[in-house]
Amino acid sequence: MLEVTPLARATSLIRLMPQDEAPFDFRPGQYASLAFPGQPPRDYSLASRPDEPHIDFHIRQVGETGPSAYAQAALHAGDPVRLEGPFGQAYWREEHDGPMLLIGGGTGLAPMIAIVETALAAGVEAPVHLYAGFQDEPDIYYEDRLRALEARHGNFTATYVLSAPEETTDRRTGFVHLAVAEDHADFAGFKAYMAGAPVMVEAAAAMLVARGMKPADINADPFYGASDPAAARRA
């Protein structure tokens, strides 16, 4: 393990370096299973590009105990971390040459960052629209990074949406999928990539299909908690 860097309230960047610099092959948008010392494994989305030497994850602390709490408080540079994967089908489809829509809720921004940066670096010229949904201002991260991408790529837009701001804000507010619906009336020809809470992913998918997107063009990766019988995702 290389480093732990705070990103936002209760959220940190966990950066790993594979032993012996062995490559960890994955596609942008996939996830991996991490096991910290003395902790059960949990799945986390890959936030780095496949061509980077390190492997990044964005981990939000959920509860006072468990892997996410351990990562925030007890993980140190040099600690061994078991990495398995990659997994997931919500990865970037390089063959698609139409518009791209990406929706990330909370740390669901992680795989969206990987897809956006990889696609833009590959020379994608079609419109790329990223929506990042957070609860409040202290939860937001990577805005400077995304604004820099907007400045360099005229086909890219990033929109932050706050669902429950405690103070008056100039940002978009409400559910992130409703902000998407306000901006786009027709999604025919789009491909969508989504990661976040299942309720958000399901609501967004229903809206996209109702507005012309083919179900096969929706690539989604819902996040589940450790207590959810469906999976132990992003605890």
Protein backbone atom coordinates (compact mmCIF):
# COMPACT_ATOMS: atom_id res chain seq x y z
CA MET A 1 0.00 0.00 0.00
CA LEU A 2 1.40 3.39 -0.99
CA GLU A 3 -0.72 6.06 0.67
CA VAL A 4 -4.01 7.16 2.21
CA THR A 5 -5.09 10.69 1.27
CA PRO A 6 -8.27 12.45 2.50
CA LEU A 7 -10.55 13.52 -0.35
CA ALA A 8 -13.67 14.78 1.41
CA ARG A 9 -15.75 14.23 4.52
CA ALA A 10 -15.33 10.55 5.51
CA THR A 11 -13.81 9.73 2.11
CA SER A 12 -10.18 8.91 1.32
CA LEU A 13 -8.05 7.93 -1.64
CA ILE A 14 -6.38 4.55 -1.12
CA ARG A 15 -3.47 4.11 -3.52
CA LEU A 16 -1.90 0.69 -4.03
CA MET A 17 1.17 -0.53 -5.87
CA PRO A 18 1.16 -4.20 -6.93
CA GLN A 19 3.98 -6.29 -5.50
CA ASP A 20 6.98 -6.65 -7.81
CA GLU A 21 5.26 -4.05 -10.01
CA ALA A 22 3.27 -6.85 -11.61
CA PRO A 23 0.55 -5.39 -13.86
CA PHE A 24 -3.05 -5.50 -12.70
CA ASP A 25 -5.08 -5.56 -15.90
CA PHE A 26 -8.57 -4.08 -15.80
CA ARG A 27 -10.98 -1.97 -17.81
CA PRO A 28 -12.06 1.49 -16.68
CA GLY A 29 -15.32 1.17 -14.76
CA GLN A 30 -14.57 -2.19 -13.15
CA TYR A 31 -14.08 -2.95 -9.45
CA ALA A 32 -11.86 -5.16 -7.30
CA SER A 33 -11.99 -6.90 -3.95
CA LEU A 34 -9.74 -5.50 -1.21
CA ALA A 35 -8.86 -7.17 2.09
CA PHE A 36 -7.08 -5.03 4.68
CA PRO A 37 -5.13 -6.66 7.54
CA GLY A 38 -7.55 -8.44 9.87
CA GLN A 39 -10.61 -7.30 7.89
CA PRO A 40 -13.05 -9.17 5.63
CA PRO A 41 -12.84 -8.42 1.91
CA ARG A 42 -15.00 -5.73 0.37
CA ASP A 43 -15.48 -4.61 -3.22
CA TYR A 44 -14.44 -1.11 -4.31
CA SER A 45 -14.44 0.57 -7.69
CA LEU A 46 -11.16 1.26 -9.46
CA ALA A 47 -10.59 5.00 -9.78
CA SER A 48 -7.34 4.98 -11.74
CA ARG A 49 -6.73 4.48 -15.44
CA PRO A 50 -5.46 1.10 -16.63
CA ASP A 51 -2.27 2.72 -17.96
CA GLU A 52 -1.24 4.15 -14.57
CA PRO A 53 1.38 2.29 -12.49
CA HIS A 54 -0.63 2.63 -9.27
CA ILE A 55 -4.17 1.49 -8.45
CA ASP A 56 -6.57 3.98 -6.84
CA PHE A 57 -9.74 3.48 -4.83
CA HIS A 58 -12.09 5.99 -3.18
CA ILE A 59 -13.37 4.65 0.13
CA ARG A 60 -16.07 6.31 2.22
CA GLN A 61 -16.29 5.37 5.88
CA VAL A 62 -19.56 3.64 6.74
CA GLY A 63 -19.96 3.01 10.48
CA GLU A 64 -17.39 2.96 13.26
CA THR A 65 -16.03 -0.51 12.53
CA GLY A 66 -15.35 -2.68 9.50
CA PRO A 67 -13.10 -2.36 6.46
CA SER A 68 -14.05 1.20 5.51
CA ALA A 69 -13.42 2.48 9.04
CA TYR A 70 -10.13 0.57 9.17
CA ALA A 71 -9.03 2.12 5.88
CA GLN A 72 -9.64 5.62 7.23
CA ALA A 73 -8.08 5.21 10.67
CA ALA A 74 -5.63 2.30 10.77
CA LEU A 75 -4.25 1.70 7.29
CA HIS A 76 -0.69 2.95 6.77
CA ALA A 77 1.83 3.09 3.95
CA GLY A 78 3.54 -0.26 3.62
CA ASP A 79 0.65 -2.32 4.99
CA PRO A 80 -0.18 -5.38 2.88
CA VAL A 81 -3.53 -5.29 1.09
CA ARG A 82 -4.90 -8.32 -0.74
CA LEU A 83 -6.27 -7.39 -4.15
CA GLU A 84 -8.45 -9.66 -6.28
CA GLY A 85 -10.21 -8.98 -9.55
CA PRO A 86 -11.10 -7.24 -11.67
CA PHE A 87 -14.86 -7.73 -11.67
CA GLY A 88 -17.91 -6.02 -13.16
CA GLN A 89 -19.50 -5.39 -16.53
CA ALA A 90 -20.01 -1.60 -16.27
CA TYR A 91 -16.76 -0.83 -18.08
CA TRP A 92 -16.18 1.60 -20.95
CA ARG A 93 -17.26 0.30 -24.35
CA GLU A 94 -14.55 1.66 -26.65
CA GLU A 95 -16.39 0.72 -29.83
CA HIS A 96 -19.25 3.13 -29.10
CA ASP A 97 -18.88 6.42 -30.97
CA GLY A 98 -22.04 8.17 -29.73
CA PRO A 99 -22.65 10.42 -26.71
CA MET A 100 -21.72 9.16 -23.25
CA LEU A 101 -23.62 9.77 -20.01
CA LEU A 102 -21.98 8.98 -16.68
CA ILE A 103 -23.73 9.18 -13.31
CA GLY A 104 -21.84 8.61 -10.07
CA GLY A 105 -23.44 8.77 -6.64
CA GLY A 106 -20.94 9.47 -3.83
CA THR A 107 -17.86 7.34 -4.34
CA GLY A 108 -19.58 6.06 -7.46
CA LEU A 109 -17.63 8.95 -8.96
CA ALA A 110 -14.52 6.74 -8.78
CA PRO A 111 -15.24 4.46 -11.75
CA MET A 112 -16.74 7.38 -13.68
CA ILE A 113 -13.43 9.26 -13.30
CA ALA A 114 -11.58 6.23 -14.66
CA ILE A 115 -13.89 6.01 -17.68
CA VAL A 116 -13.87 9.75 -18.43
CA GLU A 117 -10.12 10.17 -18.20
CA THR A 118 -9.43 7.05 -20.26
CA ALA A 119 -11.95 7.98 -22.95
CA LEU A 120 -10.77 11.57 -23.30
CA ALA A 121 -7.12 10.49 -23.36
CA ALA A 122 -8.03 8.06 -26.16
CA GLY A 123 -9.35 10.94 -28.24
CA VAL A 124 -13.11 10.48 -27.88
CA GLU A 125 -14.79 13.44 -29.58
CA ALA A 126 -18.46 12.63 -28.92
CA PRO A 127 -20.18 14.49 -26.06
CA VAL A 128 -19.29 13.15 -22.61
CA HIS A 129 -21.60 14.25 -19.78
CA LEU A 130 -20.70 13.41 -16.18
CA TYR A 131 -23.08 13.95 -13.25
CA ALA A 132 -21.80 13.52 -9.69
CA GLY A 133 -24.34 13.32 -6.90
CA PHE A 134 -23.41 14.06 -3.28
CA GLN A 135 -25.34 14.80 -0.12
CA ASP A 136 -23.72 18.11 0.80
CA GLU A 137 -20.80 20.42 0.02
CA PRO A 138 -18.28 18.74 2.40
CA ASP A 139 -18.77 15.47 0.52
CA ILE A 140 -17.67 16.84 -2.86
CA TYR A 141 -14.22 16.03 -4.22
CA TYR A 142 -12.19 16.17 -7.44
CA GLU A 143 -13.95 19.30 -8.70
CA ASP A 144 -10.70 21.03 -9.67
CA ARG A 145 -9.64 17.92 -11.55
CA LEU A 146 -12.89 17.77 -13.49
CA ARG A 147 -12.93 21.51 -14.24
CA ALA A 148 -9.43 21.13 -15.69
CA LEU A 149 -10.72 18.37 -17.96
CA GLU A 150 -13.58 20.63 -19.07
CA ALA A 151 -11.07 23.35 -19.95
CA ARG A 152 -9.03 20.95 -22.07
CA HIS A 153 -11.89 19.07 -23.73
CA GLY A 154 -14.77 21.02 -25.23
CA ASN A 155 -16.89 17.86 -25.52
CA PHE A 156 -16.82 17.18 -21.76
CA THR A 157 -19.11 18.58 -19.07
CA ALA A 158 -19.21 17.84 -15.34
CA THR A 159 -22.19 18.66 -13.13
CA TYR A 160 -22.29 18.34 -9.35
CA VAL A 161 -25.68 17.85 -7.69
CA LEU A 162 -26.39 18.06 -3.94
CA SER A 163 -29.30 16.03 -2.58
CA ALA A 164 -29.49 17.52 0.93
CA PRO A 165 -27.46 20.73 1.31
CA GLU A 166 -27.55 22.21 4.80
CA GLU A 167 -26.87 25.75 3.58
CA THR A 168 -27.93 27.86 0.63
CA THR A 169 -26.00 26.84 -2.46
CA ASP A 170 -25.54 27.89 -6.07
CA ARG A 171 -25.18 24.26 -7.10
CA ARG A 172 -27.86 22.06 -8.60
CA THR A 173 -29.91 20.36 -5.91
CA GLY A 174 -32.20 17.35 -5.68
CA PHE A 175 -31.79 13.81 -6.94
CA VAL A 176 -28.98 13.47 -9.45
CA HIS A 177 -31.04 11.56 -12.01
CA LEU A 178 -33.61 14.37 -12.03
CA ALA A 179 -30.87 16.87 -12.86
CA VAL A 180 -29.95 14.64 -15.79
CA ALA A 181 -33.59 14.59 -16.89
CA GLU A 182 -33.76 18.38 -16.74
CA ASP A 183 -30.82 18.69 -19.12
CA HIS A 184 -31.63 15.98 -21.67
CA ALA A 185 -34.92 15.09 -23.32
CA ASP A 186 -33.77 12.27 -25.60
CA PHE A 187 -31.13 9.62 -24.94
CA ALA A 188 -31.36 7.73 -28.22
CA GLY A 189 -27.84 6.80 -29.31
CA PHE A 190 -26.32 7.34 -25.86
CA LYS A 191 -24.47 4.84 -23.72
CA ALA A 192 -24.77 5.26 -19.97
CA TYR A 193 -22.43 4.27 -17.17
CA MET A 194 -23.66 4.45 -13.58
CA ALA A 195 -22.40 3.56 -10.12
CA GLY A 196 -23.92 4.30 -6.73
CA ALA A 197 -26.81 3.37 -4.47
CA PRO A 198 -29.21 0.82 -6.02
CA VAL A 199 -32.19 3.16 -5.64
CA MET A 200 -30.37 5.85 -7.64
CA VAL A 201 -29.23 3.44 -10.33
CA GLU A 202 -32.72 1.96 -10.70
CA ALA A 203 -34.43 5.37 -10.86
CA ALA A 204 -31.93 6.66 -13.39
CA ALA A 205 -32.20 3.55 -15.57
CA ALA A 206 -35.99 3.81 -15.67
CA MET A 207 -35.78 7.47 -16.67
CA LEU A 208 -33.21 6.78 -19.39
CA VAL A 209 -35.26 3.99 -20.96
CA ALA A 210 -38.38 6.17 -20.86
CA ARG A 211 -36.44 8.78 -22.84
CA GLY A 212 -35.19 6.55 -25.59
CA MET A 213 -32.11 4.74 -24.33
CA LYS A 214 -31.88 1.05 -25.11
CA PRO A 215 -31.60 -1.10 -21.94
CA ALA A 216 -28.55 -2.79 -23.48
CA ASP A 217 -26.81 0.60 -23.54
CA ILE A 218 -27.08 1.03 -19.76
CA ASN A 219 -24.00 -0.22 -17.93
CA ALA A 220 -24.66 -0.04 -14.21
CA ASP A 221 -22.83 -1.06 -11.05
CA PRO A 222 -25.06 -0.65 -7.97
CA PHE A 223 -23.34 -0.38 -4.59
CA TYR A 224 -24.52 -2.69 -1.83
CA GLY A 225 -23.70 -2.67 1.87
CA ALA A 226 -22.25 -5.59 3.78
CA SER A 227 -25.67 -6.42 5.27
CA ASP A 228 -27.38 -6.59 1.89
CA PRO A 229 -28.01 -10.20 0.83
CA ALA A 230 -27.34 -9.34 -2.81
CA ALA A 231 -23.66 -8.62 -2.29
CA ALA A 232 -21.08 -7.13 0.04
CA ARG A 233 -20.27 -4.10 -2.03
CA ARG A 234 -18.58 -0.86 -0.98
CA ALA A 235 -19.13 -1.27 2.76
